[in-house]
Amino acid sequence: MSLPAVTREGDGFRATLGDHWLQGRTAYGGASAAAALTAVKAAYPSLPPLRSVQIAFVGPLAGDVAVTPMLLRRGKNSAFVGCDVTGADGVGLRALFLFMASRESAIAHADLPAPPHDPPETDPVDPAKLPQGFLRNFDLAGAATREAGFIRWARLRERSGIDAEVEFLAIADALPPAAMQLAKTWGPISSATWQINLVTDAPATRDGWWLLGADTLHAGHGASSQSMTIWNRDGEAIATATQSVALFV
């Protein structure tokens, strides 16, 4: 299935987070975030490249939702844009997007090597074995576990015509919370906040495949903090992220 369509309605936008994007009683966070970014880019089409996103998953979202972007500040080199996604129970997602053009700098450093991995063709996941819900929107391959985390290849099945930044945001949260690798039993989980920082002007990969990694930094008292990195098909780092997750196990 394709990403939720976002359409203009009056001064705002509407979207439908259908059952095929559900993760429990709420929509998969990547789909909600993608809807927010789609509306922002439609409302303000001359923005520079996306650099950073801060997201609060305030409450459940499903079905018809309102998507309301708000330009907070526009400077010579950057722009901050907020966006709320609101459903029947009120605001379900609040996002803050930073768009910023590149500029020359005397500082350059990179230390984000991709972990050892096989190409996605080596170990594809049979789609028939995926549970109903949002995971069936992805091709998955090469699942592996680490001491307190996961690594996996993923790509959207329906990618045609999707903006590159929107596609990237939609897939960047496709792994389960890293702390589930430490759980002795399966139970409810809920992402609470997510910050993702892009380290390139234009997220791109070959054949739609992205290598996603997530590792637990700390877990306890019903919550976890995790780090995340996303590489493209060629092992180039595209983004880093952190996430806070509520644990009910």
C-alpha atoms as a PDB file:
ATOM      1  CA  MET A   1       0.000   0.000   0.000  1.00  0.00           C
ATOM      2  CA  SER A   2       1.140   3.558  -0.667  1.00  0.00           C
ATOM      3  CA  LEU A   3       1.784   6.216   1.952  1.00  0.00           C
ATOM      4  CA  PRO A   4      -1.268   8.123   3.216  1.00  0.00           C
ATOM      5  CA  ALA A   5      -2.380  10.716   0.689  1.00  0.00           C
ATOM      6  CA  VAL A   6      -2.360  14.296   1.953  1.00  0.00           C
ATOM      7  CA  THR A   7      -4.846  16.724   0.418  1.00  0.00           C
ATOM      8  CA  ARG A   8      -5.383  20.434   0.936  1.00  0.00           C
ATOM      9  CA  GLU A   9      -8.570  21.445   2.733  1.00  0.00           C
ATOM     10  CA  GLY A  10      -9.146  25.150   3.372  1.00  0.00           C
ATOM     11  CA  ASP A  11      -6.161  26.589   5.208  1.00  0.00           C
ATOM     12  CA  GLY A  12      -4.886  23.146   6.210  1.00  0.00           C
ATOM     13  CA  PHE A  13      -4.590  19.570   5.016  1.00  0.00           C
ATOM     14  CA  ARG A  14      -6.305  16.226   5.556  1.00  0.00           C
ATOM     15  CA  ALA A  15      -4.989  12.673   5.441  1.00  0.00           C
ATOM     16  CA  THR A  16      -6.324   9.182   6.093  1.00  0.00           C
ATOM     17  CA  LEU A  17      -4.228   6.795   8.166  1.00  0.00           C
ATOM     18  CA  GLY A  18      -5.823   3.553   7.002  1.00  0.00           C
ATOM     19  CA  ASP A  19      -5.892   0.187   8.735  1.00  0.00           C
ATOM     20  CA  HIS A  20      -2.956  -1.022   6.636  1.00  0.00           C
ATOM     21  CA  TRP A  21      -0.747   1.499   8.475  1.00  0.00           C
ATOM     22  CA  LEU A  22      -1.892   0.597  11.982  1.00  0.00           C
ATOM     23  CA  GLN A  23       0.536  -0.504  14.674  1.00  0.00           C
ATOM     24  CA  GLY A  24      -1.806  -1.624  17.422  1.00  0.00           C
ATOM     25  CA  ARG A  25      -4.438   1.065  17.961  1.00  0.00           C
ATOM     26  CA  THR A  26      -2.418   3.867  16.405  1.00  0.00           C
ATOM     27  CA  ALA A  27      -0.797   4.448  13.041  1.00  0.00           C
ATOM     28  CA  TYR A  28       2.859   3.605  12.541  1.00  0.00           C
ATOM     29  CA  GLY A  29       4.849   6.676  13.518  1.00  0.00           C
ATOM     30  CA  GLY A  30       6.755   6.859  10.250  1.00  0.00           C
ATOM     31  CA  ALA A  31       3.494   7.144   8.298  1.00  0.00           C
ATOM     32  CA  SER A  32       2.164   9.928  10.538  1.00  0.00           C
ATOM     33  CA  ALA A  33       5.492  11.765  10.344  1.00  0.00           C
ATOM     34  CA  ALA A  34       5.529  11.383   6.552  1.00  0.00           C
ATOM     35  CA  ALA A  35       2.038  12.892   6.347  1.00  0.00           C
ATOM     36  CA  ALA A  36       3.221  15.864   8.403  1.00  0.00           C
ATOM     37  CA  LEU A  37       6.283  16.409   6.204  1.00  0.00           C
ATOM     38  CA  THR A  38       4.213  16.088   3.029  1.00  0.00           C
ATOM     39  CA  ALA A  39       1.869  18.846   4.235  1.00  0.00           C
ATOM     40  CA  VAL A  40       4.763  21.072   5.287  1.00  0.00           C
ATOM     41  CA  LYS A  41       6.446  20.783   1.890  1.00  0.00           C
ATOM     42  CA  ALA A  42       3.151  21.448   0.088  1.00  0.00           C
ATOM     43  CA  ALA A  43       2.453  24.530   2.213  1.00  0.00           C
ATOM     44  CA  TYR A  44       5.976  25.947   1.877  1.00  0.00           C
ATOM     45  CA  PRO A  45       7.419  24.639  -1.412  1.00  0.00           C
ATOM     46  CA  SER A  46      10.668  26.660  -1.460  1.00  0.00           C
ATOM     47  CA  LEU A  47      12.219  25.199   1.695  1.00  0.00           C
ATOM     48  CA  PRO A  48      15.923  24.241   1.782  1.00  0.00           C
ATOM     49  CA  PRO A  49      16.938  20.620   2.481  1.00  0.00           C
ATOM     50  CA  LEU A  50      15.577  18.848   5.554  1.00  0.00           C
ATOM     51  CA  ARG A  51      18.162  18.683   8.343  1.00  0.00           C
ATOM     52  CA  SER A  52      16.449  17.707  11.572  1.00  0.00           C
ATOM     53  CA  VAL A  53      13.082  16.550  12.865  1.00  0.00           C
ATOM     54  CA  GLN A  54      11.771  16.487  16.432  1.00  0.00           C
ATOM     55  CA  ILE A  55       8.576  14.494  16.943  1.00  0.00           C
ATOM     56  CA  ALA A  56       6.357  13.916  19.959  1.00  0.00           C
ATOM     57  CA  PHE A  57       3.933  11.015  19.646  1.00  0.00           C
ATOM     58  CA  VAL A  58       1.318  12.619  21.864  1.00  0.00           C
ATOM     59  CA  GLY A  59      -1.534  10.117  21.442  1.00  0.00           C
ATOM     60  CA  PRO A  60      -3.114   7.566  19.120  1.00  0.00           C
ATOM     61  CA  LEU A  61      -3.925   8.468  15.524  1.00  0.00           C
ATOM     62  CA  ALA A  62      -6.031   6.508  13.060  1.00  0.00           C
ATOM     63  CA  GLY A  63      -8.498   7.178  10.277  1.00  0.00           C
ATOM     64  CA  ASP A  64      -9.147  10.720   9.070  1.00  0.00           C
ATOM     65  CA  VAL A  65      -6.790  13.314  10.526  1.00  0.00           C
ATOM     66  CA  ALA A  66      -6.129  17.031  10.146  1.00  0.00           C
ATOM     67  CA  VAL A  67      -2.556  18.068   9.320  1.00  0.00           C
ATOM     68  CA  THR A  68      -1.702  21.669  10.207  1.00  0.00           C
ATOM     69  CA  PRO A  69       1.724  23.104   9.291  1.00  0.00           C
ATOM     70  CA  MET A  70       2.937  26.386  10.823  1.00  0.00           C
ATOM     71  CA  LEU A  71       5.923  28.413   9.617  1.00  0.00           C
ATOM     72  CA  LEU A  72       7.691  29.507  12.805  1.00  0.00           C
ATOM     73  CA  ARG A  73      10.712  31.307  11.387  1.00  0.00           C
ATOM     74  CA  ARG A  74      12.297  31.755   7.969  1.00  0.00           C
ATOM     75  CA  GLY A  75      15.865  33.059   7.789  1.00  0.00           C
ATOM     76  CA  LYS A  76      18.374  33.436   4.969  1.00  0.00           C
ATOM     77  CA  ASN A  77      19.715  29.904   5.363  1.00  0.00           C
ATOM     78  CA  SER A  78      17.158  27.994   7.407  1.00  0.00           C
ATOM     79  CA  ALA A  79      13.520  27.600   8.330  1.00  0.00           C
ATOM     80  CA  PHE A  80      11.696  26.120  11.307  1.00  0.00           C
ATOM     81  CA  VAL A  81       8.249  24.706  10.585  1.00  0.00           C
ATOM     82  CA  GLY A  82       5.920  23.095  13.119  1.00  0.00           C
ATOM     83  CA  CYS A  83       3.139  20.669  12.287  1.00  0.00           C
ATOM     84  CA  ASP A  84       0.316  19.077  14.284  1.00  0.00           C
ATOM     85  CA  VAL A  85      -1.532  15.946  13.223  1.00  0.00           C
ATOM     86  CA  THR A  86      -4.908  15.830  14.943  1.00  0.00           C
ATOM     87  CA  GLY A  87      -7.400  12.985  15.109  1.00  0.00           C
ATOM     88  CA  ALA A  88     -10.669  12.255  16.872  1.00  0.00           C
ATOM     89  CA  ASP A  89      -8.963  12.301  20.288  1.00  0.00           C
ATOM     90  CA  GLY A  90      -7.028  15.526  19.742  1.00  0.00           C
ATOM     91  CA  VAL A  91      -3.401  16.127  18.804  1.00  0.00           C
ATOM     92  CA  GLY A  92      -1.676  12.820  18.176  1.00  0.00           C
ATOM     93  CA  LEU A  93       1.626  14.024  16.724  1.00  0.00           C
ATOM     94  CA  ARG A  94       3.501  17.291  17.063  1.00  0.00           C
ATOM     95  CA  ALA A  95       6.537  17.805  14.833  1.00  0.00           C
ATOM     96  CA  LEU A  96       9.215  20.463  14.508  1.00  0.00           C
ATOM     97  CA  PHE A  97      11.134  20.443  11.222  1.00  0.00           C
ATOM     98  CA  LEU A  98      14.419  22.248  10.593  1.00  0.00           C
ATOM     99  CA  PHE A  99      15.293  22.918   6.945  1.00  0.00           C
ATOM    100  CA  MET A 100      18.767  24.304   6.326  1.00  0.00           C
ATOM    101  CA  ALA A 101      20.955  24.833   3.276  1.00  0.00           C
ATOM    102  CA  SER A 102      24.566  23.643   3.253  1.00  0.00           C
ATOM    103  CA  ARG A 103      27.394  26.102   3.672  1.00  0.00           C
ATOM    104  CA  GLU A 104      31.175  25.884   3.748  1.00  0.00           C
ATOM    105  CA  SER A 105      32.763  24.999   7.086  1.00  0.00           C
ATOM    106  CA  ALA A 106      36.259  24.458   8.412  1.00  0.00           C
ATOM    107  CA  ILE A 107      34.973  21.529  10.477  1.00  0.00           C
ATOM    108  CA  ALA A 108      34.523  18.101   8.913  1.00  0.00           C
ATOM    109  CA  HIS A 109      34.266  14.795  10.785  1.00  0.00           C
ATOM    110  CA  ALA A 110      32.476  11.508  10.205  1.00  0.00           C
ATOM    111  CA  ASP A 111      32.523   8.360  12.318  1.00  0.00           C
ATOM    112  CA  LEU A 112      29.420   6.395  11.351  1.00  0.00           C
ATOM    113  CA  PRO A 113      30.669   3.223   9.634  1.00  0.00           C
ATOM    114  CA  ALA A 114      28.036   0.701   8.641  1.00  0.00           C
ATOM    115  CA  PRO A 115      28.155  -2.556  10.624  1.00  0.00           C
ATOM    116  CA  PRO A 116      29.085  -5.797   8.836  1.00  0.00           C
ATOM    117  CA  HIS A 117      26.117  -6.857   6.730  1.00  0.00           C
ATOM    118  CA  ASP A 118      25.078  -8.908   3.727  1.00  0.00           C
ATOM    119  CA  PRO A 119      23.152  -7.332   0.835  1.00  0.00           C
ATOM    120  CA  PRO A 120      19.351  -7.489   1.170  1.00  0.00           C
ATOM    121  CA  GLU A 121      19.041 -10.180  -1.504  1.00  0.00           C
ATOM    122  CA  THR A 122      20.844 -12.610   0.810  1.00  0.00           C
ATOM    123  CA  ASP A 123      18.069 -13.092   3.360  1.00  0.00           C
ATOM    124  CA  PRO A 124      14.704 -11.625   2.280  1.00  0.00           C
ATOM    125  CA  VAL A 125      11.685 -11.974   4.555  1.00  0.00           C
ATOM    126  CA  ASP A 126       8.737 -13.852   3.068  1.00  0.00           C
ATOM    127  CA  PRO A 127       5.901 -11.251   2.951  1.00  0.00           C
ATOM    128  CA  ALA A 128       3.358 -13.975   3.750  1.00  0.00           C
ATOM    129  CA  LYS A 129       5.024 -14.436   7.142  1.00  0.00           C
ATOM    130  CA  LEU A 130       4.652 -10.794   8.143  1.00  0.00           C
ATOM    131  CA  PRO A 131       1.813  -9.986  10.569  1.00  0.00           C
ATOM    132  CA  GLN A 132      -1.099  -7.875   9.414  1.00  0.00           C
ATOM    133  CA  GLY A 133      -0.554  -4.162   9.844  1.00  0.00           C
ATOM    134  CA  PHE A 134       2.033  -1.611   8.846  1.00  0.00           C
ATOM    135  CA  LEU A 135       4.914  -4.077   8.264  1.00  0.00           C
ATOM    136  CA  ARG A 136       3.235  -5.342   5.101  1.00  0.00           C
ATOM    137  CA  ASN A 137       4.024  -1.987   3.503  1.00  0.00           C
ATOM    138  CA  PHE A 138       7.732  -2.879   3.535  1.00  0.00           C
ATOM    139  CA  ASP A 139      10.129  -5.311   1.975  1.00  0.00           C
ATOM    140  CA  LEU A 140      12.391  -6.555   4.775  1.00  0.00           C
ATOM    141  CA  ALA A 141      15.642  -8.512   4.687  1.00  0.00           C
ATOM    142  CA  GLY A 142      18.670  -9.518   6.694  1.00  0.00           C
ATOM    143  CA  ALA A 143      17.177  -9.370  10.178  1.00  0.00           C
ATOM    144  CA  ALA A 144      19.859  -9.585  12.857  1.00  0.00           C
ATOM    145  CA  THR A 145      20.009  -8.933  16.571  1.00  0.00           C
ATOM    146  CA  ARG A 146      22.682  -7.278  18.625  1.00  0.00           C
ATOM    147  CA  GLU A 147      23.176  -7.429  22.378  1.00  0.00           C
ATOM    148  CA  ALA A 148      20.516  -4.796  22.987  1.00  0.00           C
ATOM    149  CA  GLY A 149      19.248  -3.878  19.551  1.00  0.00           C
ATOM    150  CA  PHE A 150      18.456  -4.747  15.977  1.00  0.00           C
ATOM    151  CA  ILE A 151      19.714  -4.243  12.446  1.00  0.00           C
ATOM    152  CA  ARG A 152      17.688  -4.855   9.289  1.00  0.00           C
ATOM    153  CA  TRP A 153      17.291  -3.887   5.656  1.00  0.00           C
ATOM    154  CA  ALA A 154      13.986  -2.239   4.737  1.00  0.00           C
ATOM    155  CA  ARG A 155      12.360  -0.513   1.787  1.00  0.00           C
ATOM    156  CA  LEU A 156       8.905   0.762   0.964  1.00  0.00           C
ATOM    157  CA  ARG A 157       7.035  -1.464  -1.461  1.00  0.00           C
ATOM    158  CA  GLU A 158       5.215   1.471  -3.059  1.00  0.00           C
ATOM    159  CA  ARG A 159       7.849   4.149  -3.743  1.00  0.00           C
ATOM    160  CA  SER A 160       6.863   5.572  -7.113  1.00  0.00           C
ATOM    161  CA  GLY A 161       6.419   9.330  -7.136  1.00  0.00           C
ATOM    162  CA  ILE A 162       7.214   9.842  -3.438  1.00  0.00           C
ATOM    163  CA  ASP A 163       9.380  12.790  -2.400  1.00  0.00           C
ATOM    164  CA  ALA A 164      12.814  11.496  -1.316  1.00  0.00           C
ATOM    165  CA  GLU A 165      12.737  13.143   2.132  1.00  0.00           C
ATOM    166  CA  VAL A 166       9.196  11.909   2.787  1.00  0.00           C
ATOM    167  CA  GLU A 167      10.137   8.355   1.756  1.00  0.00           C
ATOM    168  CA  PHE A 168      13.161   8.452   4.038  1.00  0.00           C
ATOM    169  CA  LEU A 169      11.194   9.665   7.059  1.00  0.00           C
ATOM    170  CA  ALA A 170       8.525   7.031   6.446  1.00  0.00           C
ATOM    171  CA  ILE A 171      11.021   4.187   6.636  1.00  0.00           C
ATOM    172  CA  ALA A 172      13.438   5.477   9.283  1.00  0.00           C
ATOM    173  CA  ASP A 173      11.340   4.151  12.203  1.00  0.00           C
ATOM    174  CA  ALA A 174      10.564   0.706  10.786  1.00  0.00           C
ATOM    175  CA  LEU A 175      12.562  -1.278  13.378  1.00  0.00           C
ATOM    176  CA  PRO A 176      10.966  -2.426  16.643  1.00  0.00           C
ATOM    177  CA  PRO A 177      12.213  -0.598  19.755  1.00  0.00           C
ATOM    178  CA  ALA A 178      15.723  -1.813  20.529  1.00  0.00           C
ATOM    179  CA  ALA A 179      14.840  -2.591  24.172  1.00  0.00           C
ATOM    180  CA  MET A 180      12.567  -5.414  23.019  1.00  0.00           C
ATOM    181  CA  GLN A 181      15.737  -7.413  22.431  1.00  0.00           C
ATOM    182  CA  LEU A 182      16.125  -7.399  26.246  1.00  0.00           C
ATOM    183  CA  ALA A 183      12.531  -8.385  27.032  1.00  0.00           C
ATOM    184  CA  LYS A 184      11.758 -11.884  28.281  1.00  0.00           C
ATOM    185  CA  THR A 185       8.131 -11.608  27.170  1.00  0.00           C
ATOM    186  CA  TRP A 186       6.419  -9.564  24.459  1.00  0.00           C
ATOM    187  CA  GLY A 187       4.189  -6.715  25.597  1.00  0.00           C
ATOM    188  CA  PRO A 188       2.852  -3.276  24.643  1.00  0.00           C
ATOM    189  CA  ILE A 189       5.332  -0.608  23.587  1.00  0.00           C
ATOM    190  CA  SER A 190       4.847   2.998  22.527  1.00  0.00           C
ATOM    191  CA  SER A 191       7.319   5.448  21.004  1.00  0.00           C
ATOM    192  CA  ALA A 192       7.126   8.734  22.897  1.00  0.00           C
ATOM    193  CA  THR A 193       9.609  11.092  21.262  1.00  0.00           C
ATOM    194  CA  TRP A 194      11.924  10.864  18.262  1.00  0.00           C
ATOM    195  CA  GLN A 195      14.654  13.149  16.983  1.00  0.00           C
ATOM    196  CA  ILE A 196      16.345  12.436  13.663  1.00  0.00           C
ATOM    197  CA  ASN A 197      19.252  14.403  12.183  1.00  0.00           C
ATOM    198  CA  LEU A 198      20.122  14.047   8.508  1.00  0.00           C
ATOM    199  CA  VAL A 199      23.826  14.248   7.665  1.00  0.00           C
ATOM    200  CA  THR A 200      23.312  14.776   3.935  1.00  0.00           C
ATOM    201  CA  ASP A 201      21.491  17.294   1.764  1.00  0.00           C
ATOM    202  CA  ALA A 202      19.648  14.634  -0.203  1.00  0.00           C
ATOM    203  CA  PRO A 203      18.823  11.204   1.242  1.00  0.00           C
ATOM    204  CA  ALA A 204      19.262   8.643  -1.512  1.00  0.00           C
ATOM    205  CA  THR A 205      19.929   4.938  -1.903  1.00  0.00           C
ATOM    206  CA  ARG A 206      19.956   2.249  -4.584  1.00  0.00           C
ATOM    207  CA  ASP A 207      16.860   0.151  -5.245  1.00  0.00           C
ATOM    208  CA  GLY A 208      15.042   1.702  -2.283  1.00  0.00           C
ATOM    209  CA  TRP A 209      16.952  -0.310   0.340  1.00  0.00           C
ATOM    210  CA  TRP A 210      18.016   1.254   3.667  1.00  0.00           C
ATOM    211  CA  LEU A 211      20.014  -0.387   6.465  1.00  0.00           C
ATOM    212  CA  LEU A 212      18.438   0.483   9.825  1.00  0.00           C
ATOM    213  CA  GLY A 213      20.183   0.051  13.159  1.00  0.00           C
ATOM    214  CA  ALA A 214      18.878   0.666  16.687  1.00  0.00           C
ATOM    215  CA  ASP A 215      20.643   0.110  20.020  1.00  0.00           C
ATOM    216  CA  THR A 216      19.438   0.540  23.586  1.00  0.00           C
ATOM    217  CA  LEU A 217      21.345   3.156  25.560  1.00  0.00           C
ATOM    218  CA  HIS A 218      19.349   2.705  28.767  1.00  0.00           C
ATOM    219  CA  ALA A 219      16.199   0.892  29.816  1.00  0.00           C
ATOM    220  CA  GLY A 220      14.414   0.961  33.150  1.00  0.00           C
ATOM    221  CA  HIS A 221      11.504   2.398  35.091  1.00  0.00           C
ATOM    222  CA  GLY A 222       9.160   1.640  32.188  1.00  0.00           C
ATOM    223  CA  ALA A 223      11.061   3.582  29.540  1.00  0.00           C
ATOM    224  CA  SER A 224      14.059   3.242  27.263  1.00  0.00           C
ATOM    225  CA  SER A 225      16.402   5.564  25.415  1.00  0.00           C
ATOM    226  CA  GLN A 226      17.882   4.338  22.148  1.00  0.00           C
ATOM    227  CA  SER A 227      20.235   5.491  19.423  1.00  0.00           C
ATOM    228  CA  MET A 228      19.536   4.830  15.748  1.00  0.00           C
ATOM    229  CA  THR A 229      21.544   5.110  12.534  1.00  0.00           C
ATOM    230  CA  ILE A 230      20.384   4.753   8.941  1.00  0.00           C
ATOM    231  CA  TRP A 231      22.765   3.899   6.076  1.00  0.00           C
ATOM    232  CA  ASN A 232      22.060   3.670   2.362  1.00  0.00           C
ATOM    233  CA  ARG A 233      22.701   0.666   0.112  1.00  0.00           C
ATOM    234  CA  ASP A 234      26.342   1.713  -0.319  1.00  0.00           C
ATOM    235  CA  GLY A 235      27.038   1.932   3.424  1.00  0.00           C
ATOM    236  CA  GLU A 236      26.941   5.724   3.566  1.00  0.00           C
ATOM    237  CA  ALA A 237      25.469   7.167   6.753  1.00  0.00           C
ATOM    238  CA  ILE A 238      22.361   9.230   6.023  1.00  0.00           C
ATOM    239  CA  ALA A 239      21.009  10.054   9.478  1.00  0.00           C
ATOM    240  CA  THR A 240      21.370   9.518  13.198  1.00  0.00           C
ATOM    241  CA  ALA A 241      18.486   9.507  15.645  1.00  0.00           C
ATOM    242  CA  THR A 242      17.462   9.068  19.249  1.00  0.00           C
ATOM    243  CA  GLN A 243      14.150   7.856  20.566  1.00  0.00           C
ATOM    244  CA  SER A 244      12.376   7.577  23.900  1.00  0.00           C
ATOM    245  CA  VAL A 245      10.052   4.576  24.200  1.00  0.00           C
ATOM    246  CA  ALA A 246       7.449   3.746  26.855  1.00  0.00           C
ATOM    247  CA  LEU A 247       7.700   0.086  27.899  1.00  0.00           C
ATOM    248  CA  PHE A 248       4.822  -1.880  29.400  1.00  0.00           C
ATOM    249  CA  VAL A 249       6.771  -5.113  29.937  1.00  0.00           C
END
